[in-house]
Amino acid sequence: MKTITALFFSTLLLIVPLQASQASLPTGDGQGHALPSLAPMLKKVNPAVVNISTFSTRQTESNPLLNDPFFRRFFDLPEEDRSQERAPTRRQQAAGSGVIIDADDGIVMTNFHVVKGADEVQVALIDGRSFKAEIVGTDAELDVAILKIEASKLSELVLADSSKLEVGDFVVAIGNPFGLGQTVTTGIVSALGRSGLGIEGYENFIQTDASINPGNSGGALVNLHGELVGINTAIIAPAGGNVGIGFAIPVNMAKTSMLQILEHGKVKRGQIGVMIQAITPDLREAFDLESGLQGVLVTSVTESSSAQAAGLRSGDIILEVNGKSVQSIGQLRAQIGIRRIGEKVTLKIFRDGNKKLVEVTVGKPPAVAVADDKIHDLLAGATFANNREGAGVIVISIEPGSPAAYSGLRSQDIIDGVNKQRTDDIDSFRSAIKQSKSSILLHIYRDSGSLYLVVK
């Protein structure tokens, strides 16, 4: 079976279009026989892929019994003032990967979750050199971080146009899995535009079966020309290991984020001012959509927004953004979320049986609206606000001893769903939660992960 698989893959490589083959495949064995190989391409690419080590200090929890006066008296421990004591700390190290984007300025791109909370970041090159890195800026919603190192004689990767990727294209993943050092795996593009996974705030992933494992995060996904098409970021691993379902951030999205970070130190995202909904089979029938027509339904348009100024209406179906099809809410959010404030986008919409083009300017997000602690009895004591960094509402504070303090919510939780209804802002959050009586089902983003929480 292994021989059949190897022969099949070799055959596929041999029938890759001639241009790609010439770019990365032809080589020979010791006897001079021609064999397909990625080695020539990798010799150029590998020096631009780096290993990242992060170091952080974490407080470890002390035994709670030491805070119990009865316990201290029983064991004759001194009754000292413990208010100034600090919990013991522990030095932690983690590993990831990164890609050199600009050799002259020492700019390295990686994932935000690779450097999150790090006190120190070290970048190691394939030639054995190691450098301390500065974190220039991060984009937590897209899971991108930009680092800078002071080094000479660096190599950089050429950025491809990831919008030209197609399912079935060969790709190569390069990174530092399990801290082993630079490792190369191969596969194909399994799917495009993956969203709704709850991994990041803005999702439009490249899916690949090239093996991606812990430590590959932030590494390179390249095509057979050795051009960067994506930044490896996540896997689905129900058994704890790679099962051939990995995800990478398209380089076009990552590049947009990087340019804003290098210019402003952070990403300034805008919006067009619409509430949207996925199209169900019932809605498809109600709106008399032709078979195969994909899009996202506009449920309402915000007052004084750029969408209203452009003439968008409730009931419009957004089919494309700048000629790129939109098949899910996540794809639309990603297409708008990567645009600069003030940038114009062309939407193809379906209205009253006809398709038309509408030009909309990406506008600034509205001022933050805050909800008081009377939003629901079960959440009394919690204060909520619109999430400035994306959709949903964020928990601003929780009053100690209040019902919210025992709900399981934490400060800085981001809630984007109530009772299986999407909540993009305070208004939709308030509306959805009014329908709750004895319990509330919340979908929450916390510490770069997501979970459901039932409040009773």
Protein backbone atom coordinates (compact mmCIF):
# COMPACT_ATOMS: atom_id res chain seq x y z
CA MET A 1 0.00 0.00 0.00
CA LYS A 2 2.87 2.39 0.80
CA THR A 3 4.44 1.67 -2.61
CA ILE A 4 1.18 2.35 -4.43
CA THR A 5 0.73 5.63 -2.58
CA ALA A 6 4.27 6.75 -3.35
CA LEU A 7 3.93 5.86 -7.04
CA PHE A 8 0.60 7.69 -7.25
CA PHE A 9 1.99 10.84 -5.66
CA SER A 10 5.06 10.74 -7.87
CA THR A 11 2.85 10.39 -10.93
CA LEU A 12 0.81 13.40 -9.85
CA LEU A 13 3.95 15.46 -9.44
CA LEU A 14 5.10 14.48 -12.91
CA ILE A 15 1.87 15.74 -14.49
CA VAL A 16 2.00 19.12 -12.76
CA PRO A 17 2.07 21.86 -15.42
CA LEU A 18 5.51 22.27 -16.97
CA GLN A 19 6.12 25.72 -15.52
CA ALA A 20 5.64 24.50 -11.95
CA SER A 21 7.76 21.43 -12.62
CA GLN A 22 10.61 23.52 -13.93
CA ALA A 23 10.32 25.75 -10.88
CA SER A 24 10.79 23.09 -8.23
CA LEU A 25 10.76 19.46 -9.29
CA PRO A 26 13.43 18.13 -11.70
CA THR A 27 16.53 16.63 -10.13
CA GLY A 28 18.45 13.36 -10.43
CA ASP A 29 19.65 10.42 -8.41
CA GLY A 30 23.24 9.24 -8.02
CA GLN A 31 23.09 7.48 -11.38
CA GLY A 32 21.91 10.56 -13.21
CA HIS A 33 18.31 9.41 -13.59
CA ALA A 34 15.74 12.21 -13.46
CA LEU A 35 13.48 12.08 -10.40
CA PRO A 36 10.78 14.49 -9.18
CA SER A 37 11.89 16.40 -6.10
CA LEU A 38 11.01 19.49 -4.10
CA ALA A 39 14.62 19.86 -2.95
CA PRO A 40 15.63 22.67 -5.38
CA MET A 41 12.68 24.80 -4.32
CA LEU A 42 13.18 24.09 -0.61
CA LYS A 43 16.82 25.12 -0.73
CA LYS A 44 15.61 28.63 -1.60
CA VAL A 45 12.61 28.67 0.77
CA ASN A 46 13.91 27.05 3.96
CA PRO A 47 16.27 29.89 5.00
CA ALA A 48 13.26 32.24 5.16
CA VAL A 49 11.31 30.00 7.58
CA VAL A 50 12.35 30.44 11.21
CA ASN A 51 11.86 28.68 14.52
CA ILE A 52 10.39 30.81 17.30
CA SER A 53 10.94 30.22 21.00
CA THR A 54 8.91 32.20 23.53
CA PHE A 55 9.58 32.60 27.24
CA SER A 56 7.05 33.77 29.80
CA THR A 57 6.68 33.95 33.55
CA ARG A 58 3.51 32.53 35.06
CA GLN A 59 2.31 32.68 38.63
CA THR A 60 1.52 29.31 40.16
CA GLU A 61 -1.34 29.02 42.58
CA SER A 62 -0.35 28.49 46.20
CA ASN A 63 -2.20 26.01 48.37
CA PRO A 64 -5.46 27.70 49.43
CA LEU A 65 -5.16 26.08 52.87
CA LEU A 66 -2.29 28.45 53.62
CA ASN A 67 -4.82 31.29 53.54
CA ASP A 68 -7.07 29.55 56.08
CA PRO A 69 -6.48 31.01 59.60
CA PHE A 70 -7.72 27.78 61.26
CA PHE A 71 -5.25 25.70 59.22
CA ARG A 72 -2.39 28.03 60.12
CA ARG A 73 -3.22 27.90 63.85
CA PHE A 74 -3.62 24.12 63.79
CA PHE A 75 -0.13 23.63 62.32
CA ASP A 76 1.32 26.50 64.36
CA LEU A 77 2.15 28.57 61.32
CA PRO A 78 2.95 32.23 62.04
CA GLU A 79 0.05 34.63 61.72
CA GLU A 80 1.83 37.04 59.41
CA ASP A 81 0.53 39.61 56.99
CA ARG A 82 0.11 37.68 53.72
CA SER A 83 -1.33 40.60 51.76
CA GLN A 84 2.10 41.46 50.32
CA GLU A 85 3.05 37.89 49.49
CA ARG A 86 3.32 36.95 45.86
CA ALA A 87 2.43 33.60 44.44
CA PRO A 88 5.44 31.58 43.27
CA THR A 89 6.34 31.99 39.61
CA ARG A 90 7.48 29.53 36.96
CA ARG A 91 9.41 30.16 33.76
CA GLN A 92 7.65 28.65 30.73
CA GLN A 93 8.95 28.04 27.22
CA ALA A 94 6.98 27.36 24.04
CA ALA A 95 7.89 26.81 20.40
CA GLY A 96 6.40 27.95 17.11
CA SER A 97 7.37 29.02 13.61
CA GLY A 98 7.58 32.17 11.56
CA VAL A 99 8.31 33.52 8.08
CA ILE A 100 10.71 36.28 7.05
CA ILE A 101 8.73 38.70 4.90
CA ASP A 102 11.25 41.54 4.56
CA ALA A 103 14.94 40.58 4.69
CA ASP A 104 16.22 44.17 4.68
CA ASP A 105 14.19 45.26 7.72
CA GLY A 106 14.16 41.88 9.48
CA ILE A 107 10.34 41.60 9.46
CA VAL A 108 9.00 38.22 10.55
CA MET A 109 5.34 37.14 10.42
CA THR A 110 3.90 34.54 12.78
CA ASN A 111 0.67 33.76 14.67
CA PHE A 112 -0.53 35.92 17.53
CA HIS A 113 -1.11 32.86 19.68
CA VAL A 114 2.56 31.89 19.28
CA VAL A 115 3.79 35.07 21.04
CA LYS A 116 0.77 35.84 23.23
CA GLY A 117 1.85 36.63 26.78
CA ALA A 118 5.54 36.20 25.98
CA ASP A 119 8.12 38.16 27.96
CA GLU A 120 10.86 37.27 25.49
CA VAL A 121 10.84 36.02 21.90
CA GLN A 122 13.82 34.37 20.21
CA VAL A 123 14.03 33.76 16.45
CA ALA A 124 16.36 31.00 15.25
CA LEU A 125 17.49 30.68 11.62
CA ILE A 126 18.30 27.51 9.74
CA ASP A 127 21.98 28.52 9.66
CA GLY A 128 22.16 28.31 13.47
CA ARG A 129 21.98 32.03 14.25
CA SER A 130 19.53 33.23 16.90
CA PHE A 131 18.19 36.72 17.58
CA LYS A 132 16.00 38.38 20.17
CA ALA A 133 12.85 39.67 18.47
CA GLU A 134 10.76 42.77 19.06
CA ILE A 135 6.98 42.40 18.80
CA VAL A 136 6.04 45.24 16.45
CA GLY A 137 2.29 44.64 16.68
CA THR A 138 -0.41 42.00 16.73
CA ASP A 139 -3.83 41.29 15.24
CA ALA A 140 -5.57 38.91 17.66
CA GLU A 141 -8.73 38.73 15.54
CA LEU A 142 -6.82 37.37 12.54
CA ASP A 143 -4.17 35.61 14.70
CA VAL A 144 -1.24 37.46 13.15
CA ALA A 145 1.82 38.94 14.86
CA ILE A 146 4.67 40.92 13.31
CA LEU A 147 8.17 40.66 14.76
CA LYS A 148 11.41 42.47 13.96
CA ILE A 149 14.96 41.20 14.32
CA GLU A 150 18.25 43.02 13.83
CA ALA A 151 20.14 40.72 11.48
CA SER A 152 21.98 40.73 8.17
CA LYS A 153 22.13 38.28 5.28
CA LEU A 154 18.52 37.18 5.68
CA SER A 155 16.32 35.47 3.08
CA GLU A 156 12.69 36.36 2.46
CA LEU A 157 9.71 34.67 0.86
CA VAL A 158 7.89 36.03 -2.17
CA LEU A 159 4.20 36.58 -1.44
CA ALA A 160 1.82 34.88 -3.86
CA ASP A 161 -1.73 36.01 -4.67
CA SER A 162 -3.68 33.60 -2.48
CA SER A 163 -6.93 34.49 -4.25
CA LYS A 164 -5.67 32.47 -7.23
CA LEU A 165 -5.40 29.23 -5.24
CA GLU A 166 -7.65 26.40 -6.33
CA VAL A 167 -8.72 23.21 -4.63
CA GLY A 168 -6.27 20.52 -5.71
CA ASP A 169 -3.21 22.79 -5.93
CA PHE A 170 -0.10 21.24 -4.39
CA VAL A 171 1.23 22.98 -1.27
CA VAL A 172 4.13 22.47 1.12
CA ALA A 173 4.00 23.24 4.87
CA ILE A 174 7.26 24.20 6.59
CA GLY A 175 7.61 24.73 10.32
CA ASN A 176 8.88 23.57 13.68
CA PRO A 177 6.48 20.79 14.80
CA PHE A 178 6.82 19.70 18.43
CA GLY A 179 10.02 21.78 18.64
CA LEU A 180 11.87 19.24 16.49
CA GLY A 181 13.35 21.83 14.16
CA GLN A 182 12.54 22.70 10.59
CA THR A 183 10.29 20.06 9.02
CA VAL A 184 8.66 19.84 5.58
CA THR A 185 5.33 18.16 4.77
CA THR A 186 3.41 18.10 1.50
CA GLY A 187 -0.22 17.90 0.43
CA ILE A 188 -2.88 19.72 -1.53
CA VAL A 189 -5.38 22.49 -0.98
CA SER A 190 -8.40 20.55 0.30
CA ALA A 191 -10.85 23.47 0.47
CA LEU A 192 -10.98 27.27 0.37
CA GLY A 193 -12.93 29.87 2.32
CA ARG A 194 -13.40 27.77 5.45
CA SER A 195 -15.20 29.75 8.16
CA GLY A 196 -17.53 29.24 11.12
CA LEU A 197 -14.93 27.15 12.95
CA GLY A 198 -14.74 29.43 15.98
CA ILE A 199 -10.93 29.53 15.75
CA GLU A 200 -10.44 33.23 14.96
CA GLY A 201 -12.56 36.34 14.76
CA TYR A 202 -12.04 36.64 10.99
CA GLU A 203 -12.02 33.28 9.25
CA ASN A 204 -11.49 32.56 5.57
CA PHE A 205 -9.05 29.67 5.86
CA ILE A 206 -7.17 27.61 3.33
CA GLN A 207 -7.72 23.96 4.29
CA THR A 208 -4.91 21.52 3.53
CA ASP A 209 -4.00 17.91 4.19
CA ALA A 210 -0.30 18.77 4.44
CA SER A 211 0.57 17.69 7.99
CA ILE A 212 0.40 20.58 10.44
CA ASN A 213 1.19 19.82 14.08
CA PRO A 214 1.75 21.78 17.31
CA GLY A 215 4.78 23.99 16.69
CA ASN A 216 3.91 24.48 13.01
CA SER A 217 1.81 27.52 13.96
CA GLY A 218 3.09 30.63 12.21
CA GLY A 219 5.01 28.61 9.63
CA ALA A 220 4.86 28.82 5.86
CA LEU A 221 2.44 27.25 3.43
CA VAL A 222 4.03 27.62 0.00
CA ASN A 223 3.17 26.62 -3.55
CA LEU A 224 5.48 24.68 -5.86
CA HIS A 225 7.13 27.92 -6.96
CA GLY A 226 8.20 28.48 -3.35
CA GLU A 227 5.86 31.47 -2.95
CA LEU A 228 4.05 32.06 0.34
CA VAL A 229 0.31 31.37 0.03
CA GLY A 230 -0.64 31.07 3.70
CA ILE A 231 0.39 31.12 7.37
CA ASN A 232 -0.26 27.79 9.09
CA THR A 233 -2.42 28.37 12.14
CA ALA A 234 -4.64 25.49 13.31
CA ILE A 235 -5.64 21.86 12.96
CA ILE A 236 -8.64 19.71 13.75
CA ALA A 237 -7.25 16.89 15.90
CA PRO A 238 -9.99 14.91 17.65
CA ALA A 239 -7.53 12.14 18.51
CA GLY A 240 -4.80 14.53 19.61
CA GLY A 241 -2.74 14.17 16.41
CA ASN A 242 -2.84 15.20 12.79
CA VAL A 243 -5.77 13.78 10.82
CA GLY A 244 -5.15 15.65 7.58
CA ILE A 245 -7.29 18.71 8.30
CA GLY A 246 -5.16 21.80 8.76
CA PHE A 247 -5.87 25.48 8.25
CA ALA A 248 -3.79 28.42 7.06
CA ILE A 249 -4.53 32.14 6.92
CA PRO A 250 -4.48 33.28 3.27
CA VAL A 251 -1.43 35.46 2.72
CA ASN A 252 -3.57 38.21 1.15
CA MET A 253 -5.40 38.63 4.48
CA ALA A 254 -2.21 38.40 6.53
CA LYS A 255 -0.45 40.95 4.29
CA THR A 256 -3.24 43.50 4.76
CA SER A 257 -2.97 43.12 8.52
CA MET A 258 0.84 43.35 8.39
CA LEU A 259 0.83 46.59 6.38
CA GLN A 260 -1.47 48.27 8.92
CA ILE A 261 0.64 47.05 11.84
CA LEU A 262 3.83 48.38 10.23
CA GLU A 263 2.13 51.71 9.51
CA HIS A 264 0.04 52.24 12.65
CA GLY A 265 1.31 49.67 15.15
CA LYS A 266 -2.14 48.10 15.15
CA VAL A 267 -5.00 47.15 12.85
CA LYS A 268 -7.84 49.65 12.38
CA ARG A 269 -10.89 47.78 11.14
CA GLY A 270 -14.06 49.28 9.84
CA GLN A 271 -17.50 48.09 8.88
CA ILE A 272 -20.23 48.94 6.42
CA GLY A 273 -23.13 48.89 8.90
CA VAL A 274 -25.32 45.88 8.16
CA MET A 275 -26.76 43.03 10.21
CA ILE A 276 -26.56 39.76 8.32
CA GLN A 277 -27.91 36.23 8.41
CA ALA A 278 -27.04 32.93 6.75
CA ILE A 279 -29.45 31.75 4.05
CA THR A 280 -31.38 28.65 5.10
CA PRO A 281 -33.31 26.39 2.70
CA ASP A 282 -36.55 28.08 3.81
CA LEU A 283 -35.13 31.53 3.12
CA ARG A 284 -33.83 30.35 -0.24
CA GLU A 285 -37.35 29.31 -1.18
CA ALA A 286 -38.94 32.46 0.25
CA PHE A 287 -36.60 34.74 -1.71
CA ASP A 288 -36.97 32.59 -4.83
CA LEU A 289 -33.22 32.13 -5.26
CA GLU A 290 -32.05 30.17 -8.24
CA SER A 291 -30.30 26.88 -7.62
CA GLY A 292 -26.65 27.28 -6.70
CA LEU A 293 -26.87 31.00 -5.88
CA GLN A 294 -24.91 31.62 -2.68
CA GLY A 295 -24.84 34.71 -0.52
CA VAL A 296 -25.60 36.35 2.83
CA LEU A 297 -28.92 37.99 3.73
CA VAL A 298 -29.00 41.59 5.01
CA THR A 299 -31.49 41.69 7.90
CA SER A 300 -31.11 45.37 8.79
CA VAL A 301 -29.07 48.45 7.88
CA THR A 302 -27.66 50.71 10.59
CA GLU A 303 -28.83 54.30 10.63
CA SER A 304 -26.33 56.82 9.18
CA SER A 305 -23.99 54.01 8.12
CA SER A 306 -22.08 53.77 4.86
CA ALA A 307 -24.36 50.88 3.84
CA GLN A 308 -27.39 53.13 4.20
CA ALA A 309 -25.64 55.88 2.24
CA ALA A 310 -24.95 53.38 -0.56
CA GLY A 311 -28.61 52.38 -0.70
CA LEU A 312 -28.43 48.88 0.79
CA ARG A 313 -31.71 47.60 2.21
CA SER A 314 -33.01 44.91 4.48
CA GLY A 315 -33.71 41.86 2.32
CA ASP A 316 -30.76 42.42 -0.01
CA ILE A 317 -28.57 39.37 -0.54
CA ILE A 318 -24.84 40.05 -0.84
CA LEU A 319 -23.35 37.69 -3.42
CA GLU A 320 -19.84 39.06 -3.98
CA VAL A 321 -17.27 41.51 -2.61
CA ASN A 322 -14.96 42.94 -5.27
CA GLY A 323 -15.77 40.04 -7.56
CA LYS A 324 -15.12 37.35 -4.92
CA SER A 325 -18.08 35.17 -4.05
CA VAL A 326 -19.50 35.25 -0.52
CA GLN A 327 -20.93 31.96 0.69
CA SER A 328 -21.06 32.49 4.46
CA ILE A 329 -21.25 35.12 7.17
CA GLY A 330 -17.62 34.42 8.07
CA GLN A 331 -16.46 35.04 4.52
CA LEU A 332 -18.30 38.36 4.33
CA ARG A 333 -16.90 39.49 7.70
CA ALA A 334 -13.42 38.51 6.57
CA GLN A 335 -13.75 40.29 3.20
CA ILE A 336 -14.85 43.53 4.89
CA GLY A 337 -12.69 43.14 8.00
CA ILE A 338 -9.41 43.22 6.08
CA ARG A 339 -10.26 46.49 4.34
CA ARG A 340 -8.94 49.83 5.50
CA ILE A 341 -11.32 52.44 6.81
CA GLY A 342 -12.22 54.69 3.86
CA GLU A 343 -11.59 52.00 1.27
CA LYS A 344 -14.35 51.44 -1.28
CA VAL A 345 -15.68 47.96 -2.02
CA THR A 346 -18.02 46.85 -4.77
CA LEU A 347 -20.82 44.53 -3.67
CA LYS A 348 -22.87 42.42 -6.04
CA ILE A 349 -26.33 42.07 -4.52
CA PHE A 350 -29.55 40.26 -5.38
CA ARG A 351 -32.71 42.36 -4.96
CA ASP A 352 -36.23 41.76 -6.25
CA GLY A 353 -35.08 39.07 -8.66
CA ASN A 354 -32.26 41.15 -10.15
CA LYS A 355 -28.52 41.42 -9.61
CA LYS A 356 -26.85 44.80 -9.30
CA LEU A 357 -23.55 46.35 -8.21
CA VAL A 358 -23.33 48.74 -5.25
CA GLU A 359 -20.23 50.67 -4.17
CA VAL A 360 -19.86 51.00 -0.39
CA THR A 361 -17.20 52.80 1.65
CA VAL A 362 -15.83 50.95 4.66
CA GLY A 363 -16.65 53.21 7.61
CA LYS A 364 -15.50 53.62 11.19
CA PRO A 365 -17.13 51.41 13.82
CA PRO A 366 -19.79 53.18 15.88
CA ALA A 367 -19.10 54.46 19.36
CA VAL A 368 -19.20 51.74 21.97
CA ALA A 369 -22.63 51.17 23.50
CA VAL A 370 -22.69 49.91 27.09
CA ALA A 371 -25.41 47.82 28.67
CA ASP A 372 -26.02 48.10 32.41
CA ASP A 373 -26.38 45.22 34.84
CA LYS A 374 -30.19 45.11 34.45
CA ILE A 375 -30.00 43.39 31.06
CA HIS A 376 -31.18 40.10 32.69
CA ASP A 377 -31.67 38.91 36.27
CA LEU A 378 -29.34 35.95 35.73
CA LEU A 379 -26.57 38.32 34.60
CA ALA A 380 -27.15 41.11 37.10
CA GLY A 381 -23.85 42.64 38.14
CA ALA A 382 -22.20 42.28 34.74
CA THR A 383 -21.55 45.21 32.39
CA PHE A 384 -21.35 44.63 28.65
CA ALA A 385 -20.15 46.72 25.70
CA ASN A 386 -19.84 46.33 21.94
CA ASN A 387 -16.64 44.56 21.02
CA ARG A 388 -14.39 47.16 19.37
CA GLU A 389 -12.28 44.48 17.68
CA GLY A 390 -15.12 42.68 15.91
CA ALA A 391 -18.59 41.27 16.30
CA GLY A 392 -20.16 40.40 19.63
CA VAL A 393 -20.28 42.02 23.06
CA ILE A 394 -17.48 42.02 25.60
CA VAL A 395 -17.83 41.60 29.37
CA ILE A 396 -16.42 44.82 30.82
CA SER A 397 -16.76 44.04 34.50
CA ILE A 398 -18.49 41.70 36.98
CA GLU A 399 -19.49 42.87 40.44
CA PRO A 400 -18.27 40.49 43.18
CA GLY A 401 -21.07 38.58 44.91
CA SER A 402 -23.59 39.38 42.16
CA PRO A 403 -25.55 36.72 40.20
CA ALA A 404 -23.16 37.27 37.27
CA ALA A 405 -20.21 36.43 39.53
CA TYR A 406 -21.57 32.88 39.85
CA SER A 407 -22.62 32.53 36.21
CA GLY A 408 -19.26 31.31 34.91
CA LEU A 409 -18.68 34.50 32.92
CA ARG A 410 -15.32 36.22 33.15
CA SER A 411 -14.20 39.75 32.44
CA GLN A 412 -13.07 40.15 28.79
CA ASP A 413 -15.22 37.24 27.60
CA ILE A 414 -16.62 37.96 24.14
CA ILE A 415 -20.20 36.76 23.60
CA ASP A 416 -21.29 36.33 20.00
CA GLY A 417 -24.28 34.03 20.45
CA VAL A 418 -27.31 33.81 22.75
CA ASN A 419 -29.64 30.80 22.64
CA LYS A 420 -28.18 29.79 19.26
CA GLN A 421 -28.83 33.27 17.84
CA ARG A 422 -25.89 35.31 16.56
CA THR A 423 -25.38 38.55 18.48
CA ASP A 424 -23.16 41.11 16.77
CA ASP A 425 -23.74 44.04 19.13
CA ILE A 426 -25.50 45.25 22.27
CA ASP A 427 -28.86 45.67 20.54
CA SER A 428 -28.99 42.11 19.17
CA PHE A 429 -27.61 40.79 22.49
CA ARG A 430 -30.34 42.56 24.44
CA SER A 431 -33.03 41.38 22.02
CA ALA A 432 -31.92 37.73 22.12
CA ILE A 433 -31.52 37.60 25.88
CA LYS A 434 -35.03 38.95 26.53
CA GLN A 435 -36.37 35.62 25.30
CA SER A 436 -34.55 33.77 28.09
CA LYS A 437 -36.32 32.86 31.30
CA SER A 438 -34.91 30.06 33.44
CA SER A 439 -31.63 29.62 31.55
CA ILE A 440 -29.39 31.29 28.96
CA LEU A 441 -27.13 29.55 26.43
CA LEU A 442 -24.12 31.72 25.61
CA HIS A 443 -21.41 31.17 22.98
CA ILE A 444 -18.18 32.71 24.22
CA TYR A 445 -14.66 33.43 22.97
CA ARG A 446 -12.12 33.20 25.79
CA ASP A 447 -8.32 33.06 25.67
CA SER A 448 -8.23 32.35 21.90
CA GLY A 449 -10.71 29.47 22.31
CA SER A 450 -14.48 29.16 22.22
CA LEU A 451 -17.02 27.46 24.45
CA TYR A 452 -20.72 27.26 25.27
CA LEU A 453 -21.90 28.36 28.73
CA VAL A 454 -25.33 27.62 30.25
CA VAL A 455 -26.40 30.14 32.88
CA LYS A 456 -29.26 29.07 35.17
